[in-house]
Amino acid sequence: MTLQQLRYVIEVADQHSITDAAKNLFISQPSLSAAIHELESEIGIQLFIRKTRGVLPTAEGEEFLGYARQVVHQAQLINDKYISHTMEKKRFSVSTQHYSFTAGAFVELVKAQGDESYELTLREGKTWDTIEDVRTLRSEMGVIYLSSYNETVITRQLREANLVFSELFSARPHIFIGRNNPLAVRSSVTL
C-alpha cells in the first residue's frame, strides 16, 4: 500500500467516478482502475461498488477512507514541515444543510479567523451527507436539524457513525416567503 494509492482512492470517492478522478489525477482511467484493484487485492476488501452512475464506497470502503484521509493528511503535514519547510494551513470544514444561520455564522468565523493560516470550508448538502462528511473526516463539524419527526432515525445514524450530537440552540418554526406572497401580509400563519 502506498500513499499514492491512498490519494487515488480518496479522489475516486470524492468524485464518485473513476473517469473524473483519473482526469483530476492526470492518469489514464485503466491505470487508476488497476491501482485500485491492486489495493483491494492487497487489503482483502472491496472499496467501491461500481454502478452505472459512478462508484460508491462500500461500508468497509468508507471506514478505510476515514483512515486513508488521516494518513494522507499527516503525510502532507510532515512534507510541509520538514521537506518543503512550509506550514500547511489549518483546516476547518463545516458540513450542513442550507440554513441561513449557518451561512451567517460561517461568514463571522471567516471574518474572525480567516487569515492566511486557515483554510475554511462550508459544505452544504443533505442531512445524510453531513453525517457522512463528519464520519469520514471531510468535515470537523456538522450542523443538522433534530426534531421529534426525525430524532429516532438521526439518533440511530449518529450512533452507528460513532458521532455525538450537541444541541446548539432550540429553534421555533419559521418560514421564508417572498414579499409578494399572499401570506406575507399576515402576522402569523398555521399549517
Protein backbone atom coordinates (compact mmCIF):
# COMPACT_ATOMS: atom_id res chain seq x y z
CA MET A 1 0.00 0.00 0.00
CA THR A 2 1.37 3.39 -0.99
CA LEU A 3 0.45 6.98 -0.27
CA GLN A 4 -0.26 7.37 -3.97
CA GLN A 5 -2.83 4.57 -3.86
CA LEU A 6 -4.47 6.24 -0.86
CA ARG A 7 -4.63 9.53 -2.77
CA TYR A 8 -6.19 7.69 -5.70
CA VAL A 9 -8.87 6.10 -3.52
CA ILE A 10 -9.72 9.44 -1.90
CA GLU A 11 -10.06 11.17 -5.27
CA VAL A 12 -12.33 8.41 -6.62
CA ALA A 13 -14.51 8.67 -3.50
CA ASP A 14 -14.68 12.46 -3.79
CA GLN A 15 -15.56 12.37 -7.49
CA HIS A 16 -17.84 9.30 -7.37
CA SER A 17 -16.28 8.49 -10.74
CA ILE A 18 -13.12 6.67 -11.79
CA THR A 19 -13.10 8.57 -15.09
CA ASP A 20 -13.35 12.00 -13.44
CA ALA A 21 -10.81 11.05 -10.78
CA ALA A 22 -8.37 9.87 -13.46
CA LYS A 23 -8.69 13.23 -15.24
CA ASN A 24 -8.04 15.13 -12.00
CA LEU A 25 -5.06 12.90 -11.20
CA PHE A 26 -3.66 13.18 -14.76
CA ILE A 27 -3.50 9.42 -15.25
CA SER A 28 -5.36 7.08 -17.55
CA GLN A 29 -8.61 5.51 -16.39
CA PRO A 30 -7.27 1.95 -16.89
CA SER A 31 -4.19 2.78 -14.77
CA LEU A 32 -6.35 4.16 -11.97
CA SER A 33 -8.69 1.14 -12.09
CA ALA A 34 -5.69 -1.20 -11.95
CA ALA A 35 -4.21 0.66 -8.97
CA ILE A 36 -7.50 0.42 -7.07
CA HIS A 37 -7.92 -3.29 -7.90
CA GLU A 38 -4.33 -3.91 -6.77
CA LEU A 39 -5.00 -2.14 -3.45
CA GLU A 40 -8.28 -4.01 -2.95
CA SER A 41 -6.46 -7.32 -3.52
CA GLU A 42 -3.71 -6.33 -1.09
CA ILE A 43 -6.05 -5.32 1.75
CA GLY A 44 -8.65 -8.00 1.03
CA ILE A 45 -11.74 -5.80 0.83
CA GLN A 46 -13.79 -4.23 -1.93
CA LEU A 47 -13.53 -0.45 -1.60
CA PHE A 48 -16.13 0.59 -4.17
CA ILE A 49 -19.35 -0.61 -5.71
CA ARG A 50 -19.37 0.13 -9.42
CA LYS A 51 -22.75 1.42 -10.62
CA THR A 52 -23.96 2.86 -13.90
CA ARG A 53 -23.98 6.36 -12.37
CA GLY A 54 -20.48 6.06 -10.94
CA VAL A 55 -18.86 4.42 -7.95
CA LEU A 56 -19.83 4.44 -4.30
CA PRO A 57 -17.70 3.32 -1.35
CA THR A 58 -18.74 0.08 0.33
CA ALA A 59 -19.26 0.12 4.10
CA GLU A 60 -15.72 -1.26 4.53
CA GLY A 61 -14.53 1.25 1.94
CA GLU A 62 -16.00 4.15 3.94
CA GLU A 63 -14.12 3.00 7.03
CA PHE A 64 -10.92 2.59 5.01
CA LEU A 65 -11.38 6.10 3.54
CA GLY A 66 -11.56 7.60 7.03
CA TYR A 67 -8.15 6.14 7.84
CA ALA A 68 -6.76 6.96 4.37
CA ARG A 69 -7.71 10.63 4.74
CA GLN A 70 -5.93 10.78 8.10
CA VAL A 71 -2.77 9.15 6.73
CA VAL A 72 -2.62 11.39 3.66
CA HIS A 73 -3.23 14.49 5.78
CA GLN A 74 -0.49 13.53 8.24
CA ALA A 75 1.94 12.77 5.40
CA GLN A 76 1.21 16.22 3.94
CA LEU A 77 1.92 17.83 7.32
CA ILE A 78 5.28 16.03 7.54
CA ASN A 79 6.15 17.04 3.98
CA ASP A 80 5.19 20.67 4.57
CA LYS A 81 7.12 21.00 7.81
CA TYR A 82 10.28 19.00 7.12
CA ILE A 83 10.71 18.85 3.37
CA SER A 84 9.03 21.93 1.88
CA HIS A 85 9.58 23.94 5.07
CA THR A 86 6.15 25.46 4.76
CA MET A 87 3.34 25.08 7.19
CA GLU A 88 0.07 23.87 5.79
CA LYS A 89 -2.91 25.99 6.63
CA LYS A 90 -5.02 24.73 9.48
CA ARG A 91 -8.14 23.17 8.01
CA PHE A 92 -11.63 23.59 9.38
CA SER A 93 -14.64 22.38 7.46
CA VAL A 94 -18.30 22.52 8.45
CA SER A 95 -20.98 20.43 6.73
CA THR A 96 -24.63 21.39 6.95
CA GLN A 97 -27.91 21.59 5.16
CA HIS A 98 -28.65 25.04 3.76
CA TYR A 99 -29.60 27.04 6.85
CA SER A 100 -29.37 30.82 6.86
CA PHE A 101 -27.93 30.85 10.38
CA THR A 102 -25.04 28.51 9.46
CA ALA A 103 -24.11 30.65 6.46
CA GLY A 104 -24.18 33.76 8.67
CA ALA A 105 -22.17 32.10 11.43
CA PHE A 106 -19.64 30.84 8.89
CA VAL A 107 -19.19 34.35 7.49
CA GLU A 108 -18.50 35.57 11.03
CA LEU A 109 -15.96 32.75 11.50
CA VAL A 110 -14.20 33.72 8.29
CA LYS A 111 -14.07 37.36 9.40
CA ALA A 112 -12.66 36.39 12.81
CA GLN A 113 -10.26 33.57 11.77
CA GLY A 114 -9.92 33.90 8.01
CA ASP A 115 -6.28 34.87 7.89
CA GLU A 116 -3.63 33.13 5.80
CA SER A 117 -3.12 30.33 8.35
CA TYR A 118 -6.63 28.86 7.96
CA GLU A 119 -8.40 27.07 5.14
CA LEU A 120 -12.10 27.32 5.96
CA THR A 121 -14.77 25.36 4.08
CA LEU A 122 -18.57 25.30 4.29
CA ARG A 123 -20.08 22.21 2.66
CA GLU A 124 -23.84 22.19 2.06
CA GLY A 125 -25.82 19.02 1.38
CA LYS A 126 -28.44 16.73 2.82
CA THR A 127 -28.57 15.53 6.42
CA TRP A 128 -27.08 12.15 5.46
CA ASP A 129 -24.23 13.92 3.59
CA THR A 130 -23.50 15.99 6.69
CA ILE A 131 -23.28 12.89 8.89
CA GLU A 132 -21.07 11.12 6.32
CA ASP A 133 -18.77 14.13 5.95
CA VAL A 134 -18.10 14.18 9.70
CA ARG A 135 -17.82 10.40 9.94
CA THR A 136 -15.29 10.23 7.10
CA LEU A 137 -13.36 13.29 8.36
CA ARG A 138 -14.20 15.52 5.40
CA SER A 139 -15.56 17.96 7.97
CA GLU A 140 -14.66 18.55 11.57
CA MET A 141 -18.21 19.55 12.43
CA GLY A 142 -21.71 19.08 11.06
CA VAL A 143 -24.86 21.09 11.71
CA ILE A 144 -28.14 19.18 11.46
CA TYR A 145 -31.72 19.82 12.49
CA LEU A 146 -33.17 17.40 15.03
CA SER A 147 -36.92 17.33 15.66
CA SER A 148 -39.50 14.95 17.08
CA TYR A 149 -40.15 13.80 13.48
CA ASN A 150 -36.58 12.77 12.65
CA GLU A 151 -34.98 12.22 16.06
CA THR A 152 -35.22 8.41 16.12
CA VAL A 153 -33.66 7.94 12.67
CA ILE A 154 -30.95 10.57 13.05
CA THR A 155 -30.00 9.45 16.55
CA ARG A 156 -29.55 5.90 15.24
CA GLN A 157 -27.44 7.14 12.30
CA LEU A 158 -25.26 9.20 14.62
CA ARG A 159 -24.81 6.26 16.99
CA GLU A 160 -23.86 3.93 14.09
CA ALA A 161 -21.37 6.54 12.84
CA ASN A 162 -19.94 6.88 16.37
CA LEU A 163 -20.76 10.60 16.43
CA VAL A 164 -22.15 12.79 19.20
CA PHE A 165 -24.99 15.31 18.85
CA SER A 166 -24.64 18.51 20.88
CA GLU A 167 -27.51 20.97 20.81
CA LEU A 168 -26.53 24.47 19.67
CA PHE A 169 -29.95 26.01 20.28
CA SER A 170 -33.68 25.32 20.09
CA ALA A 171 -35.43 26.94 17.15
CA ARG A 172 -39.07 27.85 16.83
CA PRO A 173 -40.69 27.01 13.50
CA HIS A 174 -40.34 29.75 10.91
CA ILE A 175 -40.92 30.15 7.19
CA PHE A 176 -39.31 32.11 4.38
CA ILE A 177 -41.60 33.57 1.72
CA GLY A 178 -41.34 36.22 -0.96
CA ARG A 179 -42.64 39.74 -0.34
CA ASN A 180 -45.32 39.28 -3.00
CA ASN A 181 -46.63 36.03 -1.50
CA PRO A 182 -50.21 36.43 -0.19
CA LEU A 183 -49.07 35.10 3.21
CA ALA A 184 -46.55 37.95 3.60
CA VAL A 185 -49.21 40.38 4.80
CA ARG A 186 -50.29 38.10 7.66
CA SER A 187 -48.87 38.47 11.16
CA SER A 188 -48.93 34.67 11.63
CA VAL A 189 -49.66 31.54 9.63
CA THR A 190 -50.60 27.96 10.52
CA LEU A 191 -50.21 24.68 8.74
